[in-house]
N, C-alpha and C. Protein backbone atom coordinates (compact mmCIF):
# COMPACT_ATOMS: atom_id res chain seq x y z
N UNK A 1 -199.93 -31.06 -241.53
CA UNK A 1 -199.35 -31.30 -240.23
C UNK A 1 -200.44 -31.29 -239.15
N UNK A 2 -201.40 -30.36 -239.28
CA UNK A 2 -202.49 -30.30 -238.31
C UNK A 2 -203.31 -31.57 -238.32
N UNK A 3 -203.51 -32.14 -239.51
CA UNK A 3 -204.29 -33.37 -239.67
C UNK A 3 -203.62 -34.53 -238.93
N UNK A 4 -202.30 -34.62 -239.01
CA UNK A 4 -201.57 -35.68 -238.32
C UNK A 4 -201.70 -35.48 -236.81
N UNK A 5 -201.61 -34.24 -236.34
CA UNK A 5 -201.76 -33.95 -234.92
C UNK A 5 -203.12 -34.38 -234.39
N UNK A 6 -204.19 -34.14 -235.15
CA UNK A 6 -205.53 -34.53 -234.74
C UNK A 6 -205.67 -36.04 -234.71
N UNK A 7 -205.06 -36.72 -235.67
CA UNK A 7 -205.12 -38.18 -235.70
C UNK A 7 -204.40 -38.78 -234.50
N UNK A 8 -203.26 -38.19 -234.15
CA UNK A 8 -202.51 -38.68 -232.99
C UNK A 8 -203.33 -38.47 -231.71
N UNK A 9 -203.96 -37.29 -231.58
CA UNK A 9 -204.79 -37.01 -230.40
C UNK A 9 -205.96 -37.99 -230.35
N UNK A 10 -206.62 -38.22 -231.48
CA UNK A 10 -207.74 -39.17 -231.52
C UNK A 10 -207.27 -40.58 -231.15
N UNK A 11 -206.14 -40.98 -231.66
CA UNK A 11 -205.59 -42.30 -231.34
C UNK A 11 -205.29 -42.41 -229.85
N UNK A 12 -204.72 -41.36 -229.28
CA UNK A 12 -204.41 -41.37 -227.85
C UNK A 12 -205.69 -41.45 -227.01
N UNK A 13 -206.76 -40.78 -227.44
CA UNK A 13 -208.04 -40.85 -226.72
C UNK A 13 -208.58 -42.27 -226.77
N UNK A 14 -208.51 -42.90 -227.94
CA UNK A 14 -209.00 -44.28 -228.08
C UNK A 14 -208.18 -45.23 -227.20
N UNK A 15 -206.87 -45.10 -227.23
CA UNK A 15 -206.00 -45.96 -226.43
C UNK A 15 -206.28 -45.75 -224.94
N UNK A 16 -206.42 -44.51 -224.53
CA UNK A 16 -206.71 -44.22 -223.11
C UNK A 16 -208.05 -44.83 -222.70
N UNK A 17 -209.05 -44.73 -223.55
CA UNK A 17 -210.36 -45.30 -223.25
C UNK A 17 -210.27 -46.81 -223.11
N UNK A 18 -209.55 -47.46 -224.01
CA UNK A 18 -209.39 -48.91 -223.95
C UNK A 18 -208.69 -49.30 -222.65
N UNK A 19 -207.66 -48.57 -222.28
CA UNK A 19 -206.93 -48.88 -221.05
C UNK A 19 -207.85 -48.75 -219.83
N UNK A 20 -208.66 -47.69 -219.78
CA UNK A 20 -209.57 -47.49 -218.66
C UNK A 20 -210.61 -48.61 -218.59
N UNK A 21 -211.17 -48.98 -219.74
CA UNK A 21 -212.18 -50.04 -219.77
C UNK A 21 -211.59 -51.38 -219.35
N UNK A 22 -210.43 -51.73 -219.90
CA UNK A 22 -209.79 -53.00 -219.56
C UNK A 22 -209.40 -53.02 -218.08
N UNK A 23 -208.88 -51.94 -217.56
CA UNK A 23 -208.52 -51.87 -216.14
C UNK A 23 -209.75 -52.06 -215.26
N UNK A 24 -210.84 -51.44 -215.65
CA UNK A 24 -212.09 -51.59 -214.89
C UNK A 24 -212.58 -53.02 -214.91
N UNK A 25 -212.51 -53.67 -216.07
CA UNK A 25 -212.95 -55.06 -216.17
C UNK A 25 -212.07 -55.98 -215.34
N UNK A 26 -210.77 -55.73 -215.36
CA UNK A 26 -209.85 -56.56 -214.58
C UNK A 26 -210.11 -56.38 -213.09
N UNK A 27 -210.34 -55.15 -212.66
CA UNK A 27 -210.60 -54.89 -211.25
C UNK A 27 -211.92 -55.53 -210.84
N UNK A 28 -212.93 -55.43 -211.69
CA UNK A 28 -214.23 -56.03 -211.40
C UNK A 28 -214.10 -57.54 -211.29
N UNK A 29 -213.38 -58.14 -212.21
CA UNK A 29 -213.20 -59.59 -212.18
C UNK A 29 -212.44 -60.01 -210.93
N UNK A 30 -211.43 -59.24 -210.57
CA UNK A 30 -210.65 -59.57 -209.37
C UNK A 30 -211.52 -59.45 -208.13
N UNK A 31 -212.36 -58.44 -208.08
CA UNK A 31 -213.22 -58.23 -206.92
C UNK A 31 -214.25 -59.33 -206.75
N UNK A 32 -214.60 -60.04 -207.80
CA UNK A 32 -215.62 -61.07 -207.73
C UNK A 32 -215.06 -62.46 -207.42
N UNK A 33 -213.76 -62.60 -207.41
CA UNK A 33 -213.15 -63.91 -207.18
C UNK A 33 -213.44 -64.35 -205.75
N UNK A 34 -214.08 -65.52 -205.63
CA UNK A 34 -214.40 -66.01 -204.30
C UNK A 34 -214.39 -67.53 -204.26
N UNK A 35 -214.44 -68.05 -203.07
CA UNK A 35 -214.56 -69.49 -202.83
C UNK A 35 -215.80 -69.66 -201.96
N UNK A 36 -216.78 -70.34 -202.49
CA UNK A 36 -218.02 -70.60 -201.73
C UNK A 36 -218.60 -69.32 -201.14
N UNK A 37 -218.65 -68.30 -201.94
CA UNK A 37 -219.23 -66.99 -201.59
C UNK A 37 -218.43 -66.22 -200.54
N UNK A 38 -217.17 -66.56 -200.40
CA UNK A 38 -216.28 -65.83 -199.50
C UNK A 38 -215.13 -65.28 -200.34
N UNK A 39 -214.73 -64.03 -200.11
CA UNK A 39 -213.60 -63.49 -200.88
C UNK A 39 -212.37 -64.35 -200.69
N UNK A 40 -211.65 -64.57 -201.76
CA UNK A 40 -210.47 -65.43 -201.70
C UNK A 40 -209.44 -64.88 -200.71
N UNK A 41 -209.42 -63.58 -200.51
CA UNK A 41 -208.47 -62.98 -199.56
C UNK A 41 -208.73 -63.45 -198.14
N UNK A 42 -209.95 -63.91 -197.84
CA UNK A 42 -210.27 -64.42 -196.50
C UNK A 42 -209.49 -65.69 -196.18
N UNK A 43 -209.01 -66.38 -197.23
CA UNK A 43 -208.33 -67.65 -197.04
C UNK A 43 -206.81 -67.51 -196.87
N UNK A 44 -206.30 -66.31 -196.97
CA UNK A 44 -204.86 -66.10 -196.83
C UNK A 44 -204.32 -66.65 -195.51
N UNK A 45 -205.02 -66.46 -194.38
CA UNK A 45 -204.50 -67.04 -193.13
C UNK A 45 -204.45 -68.57 -193.13
N UNK A 46 -205.14 -69.21 -194.05
CA UNK A 46 -205.15 -70.68 -194.12
C UNK A 46 -203.99 -71.24 -194.95
N UNK A 47 -203.38 -70.44 -195.77
CA UNK A 47 -202.37 -70.94 -196.69
C UNK A 47 -201.24 -71.72 -196.04
N UNK A 48 -200.64 -71.24 -194.93
CA UNK A 48 -199.55 -72.03 -194.34
C UNK A 48 -199.98 -73.44 -193.94
N UNK A 49 -201.26 -73.60 -193.61
CA UNK A 49 -201.76 -74.90 -193.13
C UNK A 49 -202.06 -75.89 -194.23
N UNK A 50 -201.99 -75.46 -195.48
CA UNK A 50 -202.32 -76.37 -196.59
C UNK A 50 -201.16 -76.54 -197.57
N UNK A 51 -199.97 -76.16 -197.10
CA UNK A 51 -198.78 -76.26 -197.95
C UNK A 51 -197.73 -77.11 -197.22
N UNK A 52 -197.18 -78.07 -197.92
CA UNK A 52 -196.12 -78.93 -197.37
C UNK A 52 -194.79 -78.19 -197.47
N UNK A 53 -193.78 -78.49 -196.76
CA UNK A 53 -193.67 -79.48 -195.69
C UNK A 53 -193.99 -78.84 -194.34
N UNK A 54 -194.26 -79.65 -193.37
CA UNK A 54 -194.49 -79.25 -191.98
C UNK A 54 -195.50 -78.12 -191.81
N UNK A 55 -196.73 -78.31 -192.26
CA UNK A 55 -197.71 -77.25 -192.11
C UNK A 55 -198.13 -77.06 -190.65
N UNK A 56 -198.28 -75.81 -190.21
CA UNK A 56 -198.73 -75.57 -188.84
C UNK A 56 -200.24 -75.80 -188.74
N UNK A 57 -200.73 -75.86 -187.51
CA UNK A 57 -202.18 -75.92 -187.29
C UNK A 57 -202.80 -74.63 -187.85
N UNK A 58 -204.05 -74.69 -188.29
CA UNK A 58 -204.66 -73.48 -188.84
C UNK A 58 -204.73 -72.36 -187.79
N UNK A 59 -204.48 -71.16 -188.25
CA UNK A 59 -204.55 -69.98 -187.39
C UNK A 59 -206.01 -69.72 -187.01
N UNK A 60 -206.25 -69.08 -185.87
CA UNK A 60 -207.63 -68.77 -185.48
C UNK A 60 -208.40 -68.00 -186.56
N UNK A 61 -207.73 -67.09 -187.24
CA UNK A 61 -208.39 -66.31 -188.31
C UNK A 61 -208.81 -67.23 -189.45
N UNK A 62 -208.02 -68.23 -189.74
CA UNK A 62 -208.35 -69.22 -190.77
C UNK A 62 -209.62 -69.96 -190.36
N UNK A 63 -209.65 -70.43 -189.13
CA UNK A 63 -210.81 -71.20 -188.67
C UNK A 63 -212.08 -70.34 -188.63
N UNK A 64 -211.94 -69.05 -188.31
CA UNK A 64 -213.10 -68.16 -188.36
C UNK A 64 -213.69 -68.16 -189.76
N UNK A 65 -212.84 -68.09 -190.77
CA UNK A 65 -213.29 -68.10 -192.16
C UNK A 65 -213.93 -69.44 -192.50
N UNK A 66 -213.26 -70.53 -192.15
CA UNK A 66 -213.75 -71.87 -192.46
C UNK A 66 -215.13 -72.10 -191.83
N UNK A 67 -215.34 -71.60 -190.63
CA UNK A 67 -216.61 -71.81 -189.94
C UNK A 67 -217.76 -71.01 -190.55
N UNK A 68 -217.46 -70.03 -191.38
CA UNK A 68 -218.49 -69.23 -192.02
C UNK A 68 -218.93 -69.79 -193.37
N UNK A 69 -218.27 -70.84 -193.80
CA UNK A 69 -218.51 -71.38 -195.14
C UNK A 69 -219.43 -72.58 -195.07
N UNK A 70 -220.21 -72.75 -196.11
CA UNK A 70 -221.02 -73.96 -196.27
C UNK A 70 -220.04 -75.13 -196.44
N UNK A 71 -220.08 -76.07 -195.50
CA UNK A 71 -219.11 -77.18 -195.50
C UNK A 71 -219.17 -78.01 -196.78
N UNK A 72 -220.37 -78.27 -197.28
CA UNK A 72 -220.49 -79.07 -198.51
C UNK A 72 -219.82 -78.37 -199.68
N UNK A 73 -219.99 -77.06 -199.76
CA UNK A 73 -219.36 -76.30 -200.84
C UNK A 73 -217.85 -76.37 -200.70
N UNK A 74 -217.36 -76.15 -199.49
CA UNK A 74 -215.91 -76.17 -199.26
C UNK A 74 -215.32 -77.53 -199.60
N UNK A 75 -215.97 -78.60 -199.14
CA UNK A 75 -215.45 -79.94 -199.40
C UNK A 75 -215.45 -80.25 -200.90
N UNK A 76 -216.46 -79.77 -201.62
CA UNK A 76 -216.49 -79.96 -203.07
C UNK A 76 -215.38 -79.14 -203.73
N UNK A 77 -215.16 -77.92 -203.23
CA UNK A 77 -214.17 -77.03 -203.82
C UNK A 77 -212.76 -77.58 -203.65
N UNK A 78 -212.45 -78.11 -202.47
CA UNK A 78 -211.08 -78.57 -202.24
C UNK A 78 -210.75 -79.82 -203.04
N UNK A 79 -211.75 -80.47 -203.59
CA UNK A 79 -211.51 -81.63 -204.46
C UNK A 79 -211.19 -81.21 -205.90
N UNK A 80 -211.24 -79.92 -206.17
CA UNK A 80 -210.95 -79.42 -207.51
C UNK A 80 -209.56 -79.91 -207.93
N UNK A 81 -209.45 -80.53 -209.10
CA UNK A 81 -208.15 -81.06 -209.53
C UNK A 81 -207.07 -79.98 -209.74
N UNK A 82 -207.45 -78.72 -209.77
CA UNK A 82 -206.46 -77.65 -209.94
C UNK A 82 -205.77 -77.25 -208.63
N UNK A 83 -206.32 -77.67 -207.49
CA UNK A 83 -205.74 -77.26 -206.21
C UNK A 83 -204.25 -77.57 -206.11
N UNK A 84 -203.78 -78.76 -206.49
CA UNK A 84 -202.33 -79.01 -206.40
C UNK A 84 -201.51 -78.05 -207.27
N UNK A 85 -202.08 -77.57 -208.36
CA UNK A 85 -201.33 -76.64 -209.22
C UNK A 85 -201.13 -75.29 -208.54
N UNK A 86 -201.90 -75.00 -207.50
CA UNK A 86 -201.73 -73.76 -206.73
C UNK A 86 -200.75 -73.96 -205.58
N UNK A 87 -200.15 -75.16 -205.49
CA UNK A 87 -199.18 -75.44 -204.44
C UNK A 87 -199.81 -75.91 -203.15
N UNK A 88 -201.13 -76.20 -203.16
CA UNK A 88 -201.82 -76.64 -201.96
C UNK A 88 -201.93 -78.16 -201.95
N UNK A 89 -201.72 -78.74 -200.79
CA UNK A 89 -201.80 -80.18 -200.63
C UNK A 89 -203.27 -80.58 -200.44
N UNK A 90 -203.73 -81.46 -201.30
CA UNK A 90 -205.15 -81.86 -201.27
C UNK A 90 -205.53 -82.52 -199.95
N UNK A 91 -204.68 -83.36 -199.41
CA UNK A 91 -204.98 -84.03 -198.14
C UNK A 91 -205.11 -83.01 -197.01
N UNK A 92 -204.22 -82.02 -197.00
CA UNK A 92 -204.29 -80.97 -195.98
C UNK A 92 -205.54 -80.12 -196.14
N UNK A 93 -205.91 -79.86 -197.38
CA UNK A 93 -207.15 -79.10 -197.63
C UNK A 93 -208.37 -79.85 -197.12
N UNK A 94 -208.42 -81.15 -197.41
CA UNK A 94 -209.57 -81.94 -196.97
C UNK A 94 -209.65 -82.04 -195.45
N UNK A 95 -208.51 -81.98 -194.77
CA UNK A 95 -208.48 -82.08 -193.31
C UNK A 95 -208.74 -80.74 -192.62
N UNK A 96 -208.66 -79.64 -193.34
CA UNK A 96 -208.76 -78.31 -192.74
C UNK A 96 -210.04 -78.10 -191.94
N UNK A 97 -211.23 -78.42 -192.47
CA UNK A 97 -212.43 -78.22 -191.64
C UNK A 97 -212.38 -78.99 -190.32
N UNK A 98 -211.90 -80.22 -190.34
CA UNK A 98 -211.79 -81.01 -189.12
C UNK A 98 -210.84 -80.39 -188.11
N UNK A 99 -209.76 -79.78 -188.60
CA UNK A 99 -208.80 -79.13 -187.70
C UNK A 99 -209.36 -77.85 -187.10
N UNK A 100 -210.44 -77.32 -187.70
CA UNK A 100 -211.08 -76.11 -187.19
C UNK A 100 -212.33 -76.44 -186.38
N UNK A 101 -212.50 -77.72 -186.03
CA UNK A 101 -213.62 -78.10 -185.19
C UNK A 101 -214.91 -78.38 -185.94
N UNK A 102 -214.83 -78.51 -187.24
CA UNK A 102 -216.00 -78.86 -188.05
C UNK A 102 -215.89 -80.30 -188.49
N UNK A 103 -216.93 -80.76 -189.13
CA UNK A 103 -216.88 -82.12 -189.66
C UNK A 103 -215.85 -82.18 -190.79
N UNK A 104 -215.01 -83.23 -190.76
CA UNK A 104 -214.01 -83.43 -191.80
C UNK A 104 -214.69 -83.69 -193.13
N UNK A 105 -214.05 -83.25 -194.19
CA UNK A 105 -214.54 -83.59 -195.53
C UNK A 105 -214.37 -85.09 -195.74
N UNK A 106 -215.37 -85.75 -196.31
CA UNK A 106 -215.20 -87.17 -196.61
C UNK A 106 -214.06 -87.39 -197.60
N UNK A 107 -213.33 -88.46 -197.41
CA UNK A 107 -212.17 -88.73 -198.29
C UNK A 107 -212.60 -89.13 -199.67
């Protein structure tokens, strides 16, 4: 009986270690997610402006973020074929820099 108890404790230690390691890796991966060297969370204020129907003009906080980004990187990023799968309108994405007072992405 004691042997079974030790095996259960050892198994629980291994499972706990795996959970801690996997959680750490997931958190690290989430923390590194960015667009053109900007945290993806910086783009949250831009979301309403790139989703149909009737998108509003970009919020000032959105434009602050857009103005901090390398325009060439952003224009290349918004052409990513996966953008529509995230619910974002490609045409609205390409127009976003122009709406924030920067040069528009070439079509």
